[in-house]
Amino acid sequence: MNRFKFLIPLFISASFVAAVPIAHAQRAAVRAETAADVLSLRSANSFDETVSKLTADVAVKGIRHFATIDQADLARGANLPLKRSTLVLFGNPPLGVQFLQSNPLAGLDWPVRMLVTEDAVGAVTVSWTDFGAIARRYRINDRAAQFKMAGEVAASIASAATQ
């Protein structure tokens, strides 16, 4: 058994070498999303007012509000710093489910997510994923009218929240 001791460092080194491409591939996948896939509007309102106007417009349009997640509060609970950041999830099941019928993986992007953030100088922004990018990501080619409608509604909600 002792005669194979010299192989232990070799196996350890080999496992690190094998892990490097895997870790690099995981980082590359995270970076695959570009800013071009994200639409943003600067808000003329305070952070709280922007979130409030966003959720109110969702309700006025008769769209289902699934959740509001205060990410900064989650960060505080983990004793980590984070500027104000709230994620609002909403959607219209008769429309959104059609995307899932075309490709169930589209469920990774539905319901719709809008992110309200505040930067270090107090500027508030509403951001969401471009629906054209979602259609391309999941190779959904049979729902052009639905993606167009969803994109227009999302832009309308963001506009109402930021004015």
N, C-alpha and C. Protein backbone atom coordinates (compact mmCIF):
# COMPACT_ATOMS: atom_id res chain seq x y z
N MET A 1 0.82 -1.20 0.00
CA MET A 1 0.00 0.00 0.00
C MET A 1 0.86 1.25 0.00
N ASN A 2 1.96 1.24 0.75
CA ASN A 2 2.84 2.39 0.82
C ASN A 2 3.48 2.71 -0.51
N ARG A 3 3.62 1.72 -1.37
CA ARG A 3 4.28 1.97 -2.65
C ARG A 3 3.43 2.84 -3.57
N PHE A 4 2.13 3.03 -3.26
CA PHE A 4 1.27 3.87 -4.09
C PHE A 4 1.07 5.27 -3.51
N LYS A 5 1.74 5.58 -2.40
CA LYS A 5 1.60 6.89 -1.76
C LYS A 5 1.96 8.03 -2.71
N PHE A 6 2.92 7.80 -3.57
CA PHE A 6 3.35 8.86 -4.49
C PHE A 6 2.24 9.24 -5.48
N LEU A 7 1.26 8.37 -5.65
CA LEU A 7 0.17 8.65 -6.59
C LEU A 7 -0.87 9.62 -6.02
N ILE A 8 -0.95 9.74 -4.71
CA ILE A 8 -1.95 10.61 -4.08
C ILE A 8 -1.81 12.05 -4.56
N PRO A 9 -0.59 12.67 -4.50
CA PRO A 9 -0.48 14.04 -5.01
C PRO A 9 -0.84 14.14 -6.49
N LEU A 10 -0.52 13.10 -7.25
CA LEU A 10 -0.84 13.11 -8.67
C LEU A 10 -2.36 13.15 -8.89
N PHE A 11 -3.10 12.33 -8.14
CA PHE A 11 -4.56 12.31 -8.27
C PHE A 11 -5.17 13.63 -7.81
N ILE A 12 -4.64 14.20 -6.74
CA ILE A 12 -5.14 15.49 -6.26
C ILE A 12 -4.91 16.56 -7.31
N SER A 13 -3.71 16.60 -7.88
CA SER A 13 -3.40 17.58 -8.93
C SER A 13 -4.30 17.40 -10.14
N ALA A 14 -4.51 16.16 -10.52
CA ALA A 14 -5.36 15.88 -11.69
C ALA A 14 -6.79 16.34 -11.45
N SER A 15 -7.30 16.17 -10.22
CA SER A 15 -8.67 16.61 -9.96
C SER A 15 -8.79 18.12 -9.99
N PHE A 16 -7.76 18.85 -9.56
CA PHE A 16 -7.80 20.31 -9.66
C PHE A 16 -7.77 20.75 -11.11
N VAL A 17 -6.93 20.11 -11.90
CA VAL A 17 -6.84 20.45 -13.32
C VAL A 17 -8.17 20.19 -14.01
N ALA A 18 -8.83 19.10 -13.67
CA ALA A 18 -10.13 18.78 -14.27
C ALA A 18 -11.20 19.75 -13.82
N ALA A 19 -11.10 20.25 -12.60
CA ALA A 19 -12.13 21.15 -12.06
C ALA A 19 -12.04 22.55 -12.67
N VAL A 20 -10.86 22.98 -13.09
CA VAL A 20 -10.70 24.34 -13.61
C VAL A 20 -11.58 24.58 -14.83
N PRO A 21 -11.58 23.71 -15.86
CA PRO A 21 -12.46 23.97 -17.00
C PRO A 21 -13.94 23.96 -16.61
N ILE A 22 -14.33 23.12 -15.67
CA ILE A 22 -15.72 23.06 -15.24
C ILE A 22 -16.10 24.37 -14.57
N ALA A 23 -15.27 24.86 -13.65
CA ALA A 23 -15.56 26.12 -12.97
C ALA A 23 -15.59 27.26 -13.98
N HIS A 24 -14.66 27.25 -14.94
CA HIS A 24 -14.63 28.30 -15.95
C HIS A 24 -15.90 28.25 -16.80
N ALA A 25 -16.34 27.06 -17.16
CA ALA A 25 -17.56 26.92 -17.96
C ALA A 25 -18.77 27.45 -17.20
N GLN A 26 -18.82 27.22 -15.89
CA GLN A 26 -19.94 27.72 -15.10
C GLN A 26 -19.93 29.24 -15.07
N ARG A 27 -18.76 29.85 -14.91
CA ARG A 27 -18.68 31.31 -14.91
C ARG A 27 -19.07 31.85 -16.28
N ALA A 28 -18.62 31.19 -17.33
CA ALA A 28 -18.94 31.65 -18.68
C ALA A 28 -20.45 31.62 -18.91
N ALA A 29 -21.13 30.60 -18.41
CA ALA A 29 -22.57 30.51 -18.57
C ALA A 29 -23.27 31.67 -17.88
N VAL A 30 -22.79 32.07 -16.73
CA VAL A 30 -23.39 33.19 -16.01
C VAL A 30 -23.21 34.47 -16.80
N ARG A 31 -22.06 34.62 -17.44
CA ARG A 31 -21.77 35.84 -18.21
C ARG A 31 -22.45 35.84 -19.57
N ALA A 32 -23.09 34.74 -19.95
CA ALA A 32 -23.67 34.64 -21.29
C ALA A 32 -24.78 35.67 -21.50
N GLU A 33 -25.49 36.03 -20.45
CA GLU A 33 -26.54 37.03 -20.56
C GLU A 33 -25.90 38.39 -20.72
N THR A 34 -26.33 39.13 -21.72
CA THR A 34 -25.73 40.44 -21.96
C THR A 34 -26.70 41.53 -21.55
N ALA A 35 -26.17 42.72 -21.38
CA ALA A 35 -27.01 43.86 -21.06
C ALA A 35 -28.03 44.12 -22.17
N ALA A 36 -27.72 43.68 -23.38
CA ALA A 36 -28.64 43.87 -24.50
C ALA A 36 -29.95 43.11 -24.28
N ASP A 37 -29.94 42.10 -23.45
CA ASP A 37 -31.15 41.32 -23.16
C ASP A 37 -31.99 41.95 -22.06
N VAL A 38 -31.49 43.00 -21.45
CA VAL A 38 -32.18 43.65 -20.34
C VAL A 38 -32.60 45.05 -20.76
N LEU A 39 -33.87 45.35 -20.54
CA LEU A 39 -34.39 46.69 -20.82
C LEU A 39 -34.53 47.41 -19.48
N SER A 40 -34.22 48.69 -19.47
CA SER A 40 -34.28 49.46 -18.22
C SER A 40 -34.84 50.84 -18.48
N LEU A 41 -35.57 51.35 -17.49
CA LEU A 41 -36.06 52.72 -17.50
C LEU A 41 -35.67 53.37 -16.19
N ARG A 42 -35.14 54.58 -16.26
CA ARG A 42 -34.82 55.35 -15.06
C ARG A 42 -36.13 55.94 -14.53
N SER A 43 -36.33 55.87 -13.24
CA SER A 43 -37.56 56.35 -12.64
C SER A 43 -37.43 57.80 -12.19
N ALA A 44 -38.50 58.53 -12.36
CA ALA A 44 -38.58 59.90 -11.85
C ALA A 44 -39.06 59.90 -10.40
N ASN A 45 -39.35 58.73 -9.87
CA ASN A 45 -39.93 58.59 -8.54
C ASN A 45 -38.93 58.01 -7.54
N SER A 46 -39.30 58.07 -6.27
CA SER A 46 -38.49 57.43 -5.24
C SER A 46 -38.57 55.91 -5.42
N PHE A 47 -37.72 55.21 -4.73
CA PHE A 47 -37.71 53.75 -4.80
C PHE A 47 -39.07 53.19 -4.39
N ASP A 48 -39.55 53.58 -3.20
CA ASP A 48 -40.81 53.05 -2.69
C ASP A 48 -41.98 53.39 -3.61
N GLU A 49 -42.00 54.62 -4.13
CA GLU A 49 -43.08 55.02 -5.01
C GLU A 49 -43.03 54.23 -6.32
N THR A 50 -41.83 53.96 -6.82
CA THR A 50 -41.69 53.18 -8.05
C THR A 50 -42.24 51.77 -7.86
N VAL A 51 -41.87 51.13 -6.76
CA VAL A 51 -42.38 49.77 -6.49
C VAL A 51 -43.90 49.81 -6.36
N SER A 52 -44.40 50.81 -5.63
CA SER A 52 -45.84 50.93 -5.42
C SER A 52 -46.59 51.16 -6.74
N LYS A 53 -46.07 52.05 -7.57
CA LYS A 53 -46.71 52.32 -8.86
C LYS A 53 -46.66 51.10 -9.78
N LEU A 54 -45.57 50.35 -9.72
CA LEU A 54 -45.44 49.15 -10.54
C LEU A 54 -46.50 48.13 -10.15
N THR A 55 -46.60 47.83 -8.87
CA THR A 55 -47.59 46.83 -8.43
C THR A 55 -49.02 47.33 -8.64
N ALA A 56 -49.24 48.63 -8.50
CA ALA A 56 -50.57 49.19 -8.73
C ALA A 56 -50.96 49.05 -10.20
N ASP A 57 -50.03 49.30 -11.11
CA ASP A 57 -50.34 49.20 -12.54
C ASP A 57 -50.59 47.75 -12.94
N VAL A 58 -49.86 46.83 -12.33
CA VAL A 58 -50.12 45.41 -12.57
C VAL A 58 -51.57 45.09 -12.18
N ALA A 59 -52.00 45.58 -11.01
CA ALA A 59 -53.37 45.33 -10.54
C ALA A 59 -54.40 45.98 -11.44
N VAL A 60 -54.17 47.23 -11.84
CA VAL A 60 -55.11 47.95 -12.70
C VAL A 60 -55.30 47.22 -14.03
N LYS A 61 -54.24 46.63 -14.53
CA LYS A 61 -54.31 45.92 -15.81
C LYS A 61 -54.92 44.52 -15.65
N GLY A 62 -55.26 44.13 -14.43
CA GLY A 62 -55.86 42.82 -14.19
C GLY A 62 -54.88 41.67 -14.32
N ILE A 63 -53.59 41.98 -14.14
CA ILE A 63 -52.55 40.97 -14.24
C ILE A 63 -52.30 40.39 -12.85
N ARG A 64 -52.05 39.11 -12.79
CA ARG A 64 -51.85 38.44 -11.50
C ARG A 64 -50.47 38.79 -10.91
N HIS A 65 -50.49 39.25 -9.67
CA HIS A 65 -49.26 39.56 -8.94
C HIS A 65 -48.91 38.33 -8.11
N PHE A 66 -47.75 37.74 -8.38
CA PHE A 66 -47.35 36.52 -7.68
C PHE A 66 -46.55 36.80 -6.42
N ALA A 67 -45.63 37.75 -6.48
CA ALA A 67 -44.78 38.01 -5.31
C ALA A 67 -44.00 39.30 -5.49
N THR A 68 -43.64 39.87 -4.36
CA THR A 68 -42.69 40.98 -4.31
C THR A 68 -41.61 40.56 -3.33
N ILE A 69 -40.37 40.54 -3.80
CA ILE A 69 -39.26 40.06 -2.98
C ILE A 69 -38.29 41.20 -2.73
N ASP A 70 -38.15 41.57 -1.48
CA ASP A 70 -37.20 42.61 -1.08
C ASP A 70 -35.83 41.96 -0.94
N GLN A 71 -35.02 42.07 -1.98
CA GLN A 71 -33.72 41.41 -1.98
C GLN A 71 -32.75 42.04 -0.99
N ALA A 72 -32.88 43.34 -0.76
CA ALA A 72 -32.02 44.01 0.22
C ALA A 72 -32.33 43.48 1.62
N ASP A 73 -33.60 43.18 1.88
CA ASP A 73 -33.98 42.61 3.18
C ASP A 73 -33.38 41.21 3.33
N LEU A 74 -33.38 40.44 2.27
CA LEU A 74 -32.75 39.12 2.32
C LEU A 74 -31.26 39.26 2.60
N ALA A 75 -30.64 40.25 1.99
CA ALA A 75 -29.20 40.49 2.22
C ALA A 75 -28.95 40.86 3.68
N ARG A 76 -29.80 41.74 4.22
CA ARG A 76 -29.64 42.12 5.64
C ARG A 76 -29.73 40.89 6.54
N GLY A 77 -30.65 40.00 6.23
CA GLY A 77 -30.81 38.77 7.01
C GLY A 77 -29.58 37.88 6.95
N ALA A 78 -28.80 38.03 5.90
CA ALA A 78 -27.57 37.25 5.75
C ALA A 78 -26.34 38.07 6.16
N ASN A 79 -26.59 39.24 6.76
CA ASN A 79 -25.51 40.15 7.16
C ASN A 79 -24.60 40.53 6.00
N LEU A 80 -25.22 40.79 4.85
CA LEU A 80 -24.48 41.20 3.66
C LEU A 80 -25.02 42.54 3.17
N PRO A 81 -24.15 43.40 2.69
CA PRO A 81 -24.62 44.70 2.18
C PRO A 81 -25.21 44.56 0.78
N LEU A 82 -26.29 45.28 0.54
CA LEU A 82 -26.88 45.34 -0.79
C LEU A 82 -27.71 46.60 -0.88
N LYS A 83 -27.54 47.35 -1.95
CA LYS A 83 -28.36 48.53 -2.17
C LYS A 83 -29.80 48.07 -2.38
N ARG A 84 -30.73 48.99 -2.30
CA ARG A 84 -32.15 48.63 -2.41
C ARG A 84 -32.42 47.91 -3.74
N SER A 85 -33.11 46.81 -3.64
CA SER A 85 -33.39 45.96 -4.79
C SER A 85 -34.64 45.14 -4.49
N THR A 86 -35.68 45.34 -5.29
CA THR A 86 -36.92 44.60 -5.10
C THR A 86 -37.34 43.96 -6.42
N LEU A 87 -37.63 42.68 -6.36
CA LEU A 87 -38.06 41.92 -7.52
C LEU A 87 -39.57 41.71 -7.45
N VAL A 88 -40.27 42.09 -8.52
CA VAL A 88 -41.72 41.93 -8.58
C VAL A 88 -42.02 40.88 -9.65
N LEU A 89 -42.77 39.85 -9.27
CA LEU A 89 -43.14 38.76 -10.18
C LEU A 89 -44.63 38.85 -10.47
N PHE A 90 -44.97 38.85 -11.76
CA PHE A 90 -46.37 38.95 -12.16
C PHE A 90 -46.54 38.31 -13.53
N GLY A 91 -47.79 38.06 -13.88
CA GLY A 91 -48.03 37.50 -15.20
C GLY A 91 -49.50 37.24 -15.45
N ASN A 92 -49.81 36.99 -16.69
CA ASN A 92 -51.15 36.67 -17.13
C ASN A 92 -51.12 35.21 -17.58
N PRO A 93 -51.57 34.27 -16.74
CA PRO A 93 -51.46 32.85 -17.09
C PRO A 93 -51.97 32.48 -18.48
N PRO A 94 -53.12 33.01 -18.95
CA PRO A 94 -53.55 32.63 -20.30
C PRO A 94 -52.53 33.00 -21.39
N LEU A 95 -51.73 34.03 -21.15
CA LEU A 95 -50.69 34.42 -22.10
C LEU A 95 -49.39 33.68 -21.81
N GLY A 96 -48.92 33.76 -20.58
CA GLY A 96 -47.63 33.19 -20.22
C GLY A 96 -47.54 31.68 -20.39
N VAL A 97 -48.62 30.99 -20.13
CA VAL A 97 -48.60 29.52 -20.25
C VAL A 97 -48.38 29.11 -21.71
N GLN A 98 -48.76 29.96 -22.65
CA GLN A 98 -48.52 29.63 -24.06
C GLN A 98 -47.03 29.50 -24.35
N PHE A 99 -46.21 30.31 -23.66
CA PHE A 99 -44.76 30.21 -23.84
C PHE A 99 -44.28 28.85 -23.32
N LEU A 100 -44.84 28.42 -22.20
CA LEU A 100 -44.47 27.13 -21.61
C LEU A 100 -44.93 25.97 -22.49
N GLN A 101 -46.05 26.15 -23.17
CA GLN A 101 -46.51 25.10 -24.08
C GLN A 101 -45.53 24.93 -25.25
N SER A 102 -44.94 26.03 -25.68
CA SER A 102 -43.96 25.96 -26.78
C SER A 102 -42.64 25.39 -26.32
N ASN A 103 -42.23 25.74 -25.11
CA ASN A 103 -40.99 25.21 -24.54
C ASN A 103 -41.09 25.31 -23.02
N PRO A 104 -41.25 24.18 -22.34
CA PRO A 104 -41.39 24.20 -20.88
C PRO A 104 -40.25 24.93 -20.16
N LEU A 105 -39.07 24.98 -20.76
CA LEU A 105 -37.95 25.68 -20.12
C LEU A 105 -38.19 27.18 -20.01
N ALA A 106 -39.13 27.71 -20.78
CA ALA A 106 -39.47 29.13 -20.68
C ALA A 106 -39.99 29.46 -19.29
N GLY A 107 -40.35 28.43 -18.53
CA GLY A 107 -40.76 28.64 -17.14
C GLY A 107 -39.66 29.23 -16.28
N LEU A 108 -38.43 29.16 -16.76
CA LEU A 108 -37.33 29.82 -16.04
C LEU A 108 -37.45 31.33 -16.11
N ASP A 109 -38.20 31.85 -17.09
CA ASP A 109 -38.38 33.29 -17.25
C ASP A 109 -39.83 33.73 -17.11
N TRP A 110 -40.70 32.85 -16.70
CA TRP A 110 -42.09 33.21 -16.48
C TRP A 110 -42.50 32.68 -15.12
N PRO A 111 -43.19 33.43 -14.28
CA PRO A 111 -43.80 34.71 -14.58
C PRO A 111 -42.77 35.82 -14.83
N VAL A 112 -43.29 36.93 -15.33
CA VAL A 112 -42.47 38.09 -15.64
C VAL A 112 -41.81 38.59 -14.36
N ARG A 113 -40.57 39.04 -14.50
CA ARG A 113 -39.84 39.61 -13.37
C ARG A 113 -39.42 41.02 -13.73
N MET A 114 -39.75 41.94 -12.84
CA MET A 114 -39.25 43.31 -12.98
C MET A 114 -38.47 43.63 -11.72
N LEU A 115 -37.30 44.20 -11.93
CA LEU A 115 -36.40 44.50 -10.83
C LEU A 115 -36.31 46.01 -10.66
N VAL A 116 -36.59 46.47 -9.45
CA VAL A 116 -36.45 47.89 -9.12
C VAL A 116 -35.20 48.01 -8.26
N THR A 117 -34.26 48.84 -8.71
CA THR A 117 -33.00 49.02 -7.98
C THR A 117 -32.75 50.50 -7.73
N GLU A 118 -31.95 50.74 -6.70
CA GLU A 118 -31.52 52.10 -6.38
C GLU A 118 -30.00 52.09 -6.27
N ASP A 119 -29.35 53.01 -6.96
CA ASP A 119 -27.88 53.02 -6.93
C ASP A 119 -27.36 53.90 -5.79
N ALA A 120 -26.06 54.06 -5.72
CA ALA A 120 -25.41 54.77 -4.62
C ALA A 120 -25.81 56.24 -4.53
N VAL A 121 -26.22 56.84 -5.64
CA VAL A 121 -26.62 58.25 -5.61
C VAL A 121 -28.13 58.42 -5.54
N GLY A 122 -28.85 57.31 -5.38
CA GLY A 122 -30.30 57.37 -5.21
C GLY A 122 -31.10 57.27 -6.49
N ALA A 123 -30.44 57.04 -7.63
CA ALA A 123 -31.17 56.87 -8.89
C ALA A 123 -31.88 55.52 -8.88
N VAL A 124 -33.15 55.55 -9.27
CA VAL A 124 -33.99 54.35 -9.25
C VAL A 124 -34.22 53.89 -10.69
N THR A 125 -34.10 52.59 -10.92
CA THR A 125 -34.25 52.02 -12.25
C THR A 125 -35.17 50.80 -12.19
N VAL A 126 -36.00 50.65 -13.22
CA VAL A 126 -36.81 49.44 -13.39
C VAL A 126 -36.22 48.68 -14.57
N SER A 127 -35.93 47.40 -14.37
CA SER A 127 -35.32 46.57 -15.42
C SER A 127 -36.10 45.27 -15.58
N TRP A 128 -36.10 44.76 -16.80
CA TRP A 128 -36.75 43.48 -17.10
C TRP A 128 -36.10 42.88 -18.33
N THR A 129 -36.30 41.59 -18.51
CA THR A 129 -35.71 40.89 -19.66
C THR A 129 -36.53 41.18 -20.91
N ASP A 130 -35.85 41.48 -21.99
CA ASP A 130 -36.47 41.72 -23.28
C ASP A 130 -37.17 40.44 -23.74
N PHE A 131 -38.44 40.55 -24.10
CA PHE A 131 -39.19 39.37 -24.51
C PHE A 131 -38.68 38.77 -25.81
N GLY A 132 -38.10 39.58 -26.67
CA GLY A 132 -37.46 39.04 -27.88
C GLY A 132 -36.31 38.12 -27.52
N ALA A 133 -35.55 38.51 -26.49
CA ALA A 133 -34.43 37.68 -26.04
C ALA A 133 -34.94 36.37 -25.43
N ILE A 134 -36.07 36.45 -24.73
CA ILE A 134 -36.65 35.23 -24.15
C ILE A 134 -37.08 34.28 -25.27
N ALA A 135 -37.72 34.83 -26.30
CA ALA A 135 -38.14 33.99 -27.44
C ALA A 135 -36.93 33.32 -28.09
N ARG A 136 -35.85 34.09 -28.26
CA ARG A 136 -34.64 33.51 -28.87
C ARG A 136 -33.99 32.47 -27.95
N ARG A 137 -33.93 32.79 -26.66
CA ARG A 137 -33.27 31.89 -25.71
C ARG A 137 -33.90 30.51 -25.73
N TYR A 138 -35.24 30.46 -25.81
CA TYR A 138 -35.93 29.17 -25.77
C TYR A 138 -36.37 28.70 -27.16
N ARG A 139 -35.90 29.40 -28.19
CA ARG A 139 -36.19 29.04 -29.58
C ARG A 139 -37.69 28.87 -29.82
N ILE A 140 -38.45 29.83 -29.31
CA ILE A 140 -39.90 29.81 -29.50
C ILE A 140 -40.21 30.69 -30.71
N ASN A 141 -40.60 30.05 -31.79
CA ASN A 141 -40.86 30.77 -33.04
C ASN A 141 -42.34 30.82 -33.39
N ASP A 142 -43.18 30.14 -32.62
CA ASP A 142 -44.59 30.04 -32.96
C ASP A 142 -45.48 30.96 -32.12
N ARG A 143 -44.90 31.93 -31.43
CA ARG A 143 -45.69 32.81 -30.56
C ARG A 143 -45.29 34.28 -30.72
N ALA A 144 -44.98 34.68 -31.93
CA ALA A 144 -44.50 36.05 -32.16
C ALA A 144 -45.49 37.10 -31.66
N ALA A 145 -46.77 36.91 -31.94
CA ALA A 145 -47.78 37.90 -31.51
C ALA A 145 -47.86 37.96 -29.99
N GLN A 146 -47.76 36.80 -29.34
CA GLN A 146 -47.84 36.77 -27.87
C GLN A 146 -46.61 37.44 -27.25
N PHE A 147 -45.43 37.19 -27.80
CA PHE A 147 -44.23 37.83 -27.27
C PHE A 147 -44.28 39.34 -27.49
N LYS A 148 -44.80 39.75 -28.63
CA LYS A 148 -44.93 41.19 -28.91
C LYS A 148 -45.87 41.83 -27.89
N MET A 149 -47.01 41.19 -27.65
CA MET A 149 -47.97 41.70 -26.68
C MET A 149 -47.36 41.77 -25.28
N ALA A 150 -46.69 40.70 -24.87
CA ALA A 150 -46.08 40.67 -23.54
C ALA A 150 -45.04 41.78 -23.40
N GLY A 151 -44.26 41.99 -24.44
CA GLY A 151 -43.25 43.05 -24.41
C GLY A 151 -43.87 44.43 -24.29
N GLU A 152 -44.96 44.65 -25.02
CA GLU A 152 -45.65 45.94 -24.95
C GLU A 152 -46.26 46.18 -23.58
N VAL A 153 -46.86 45.15 -23.00
CA VAL A 153 -47.45 45.29 -21.67
C VAL A 153 -46.37 45.55 -20.62
N ALA A 154 -45.26 44.82 -20.70
CA ALA A 154 -44.16 45.03 -19.75
C ALA A 154 -43.63 46.46 -19.86
N ALA A 155 -43.44 46.95 -21.07
CA ALA A 155 -42.95 48.32 -21.26
C ALA A 155 -43.95 49.33 -20.70
N SER A 156 -45.23 49.05 -20.87
CA SER A 156 -46.27 49.94 -20.35
C SER A 156 -46.25 49.98 -18.82
N ILE A 157 -46.06 48.83 -18.20
CA ILE A 157 -45.99 48.77 -16.73
C ILE A 157 -44.76 49.51 -16.23
N ALA A 158 -43.63 49.28 -16.86
CA ALA A 158 -42.40 49.96 -16.45
C ALA A 158 -42.54 51.47 -16.63
N SER A 159 -43.16 51.87 -17.72
CA SER A 159 -43.37 53.30 -17.98
C SER A 159 -44.26 53.92 -16.91
N ALA A 160 -45.35 53.24 -16.57
CA ALA A 160 -46.26 53.76 -15.54
C ALA A 160 -45.55 53.87 -14.19
N ALA A 161 -44.67 52.94 -13.90
CA ALA A 161 -43.97 52.93 -12.61
C ALA A 161 -42.92 54.03 -12.52
N THR A 162 -42.39 54.43 -13.65
CA THR A 162 -41.25 55.36 -13.64
C THR A 162 -41.64 56.81 -13.90
N GLN A 163 -42.89 57.07 -14.28
CA GLN A 163 -43.31 58.45 -14.57
C GLN A 163 -43.90 59.12 -13.36
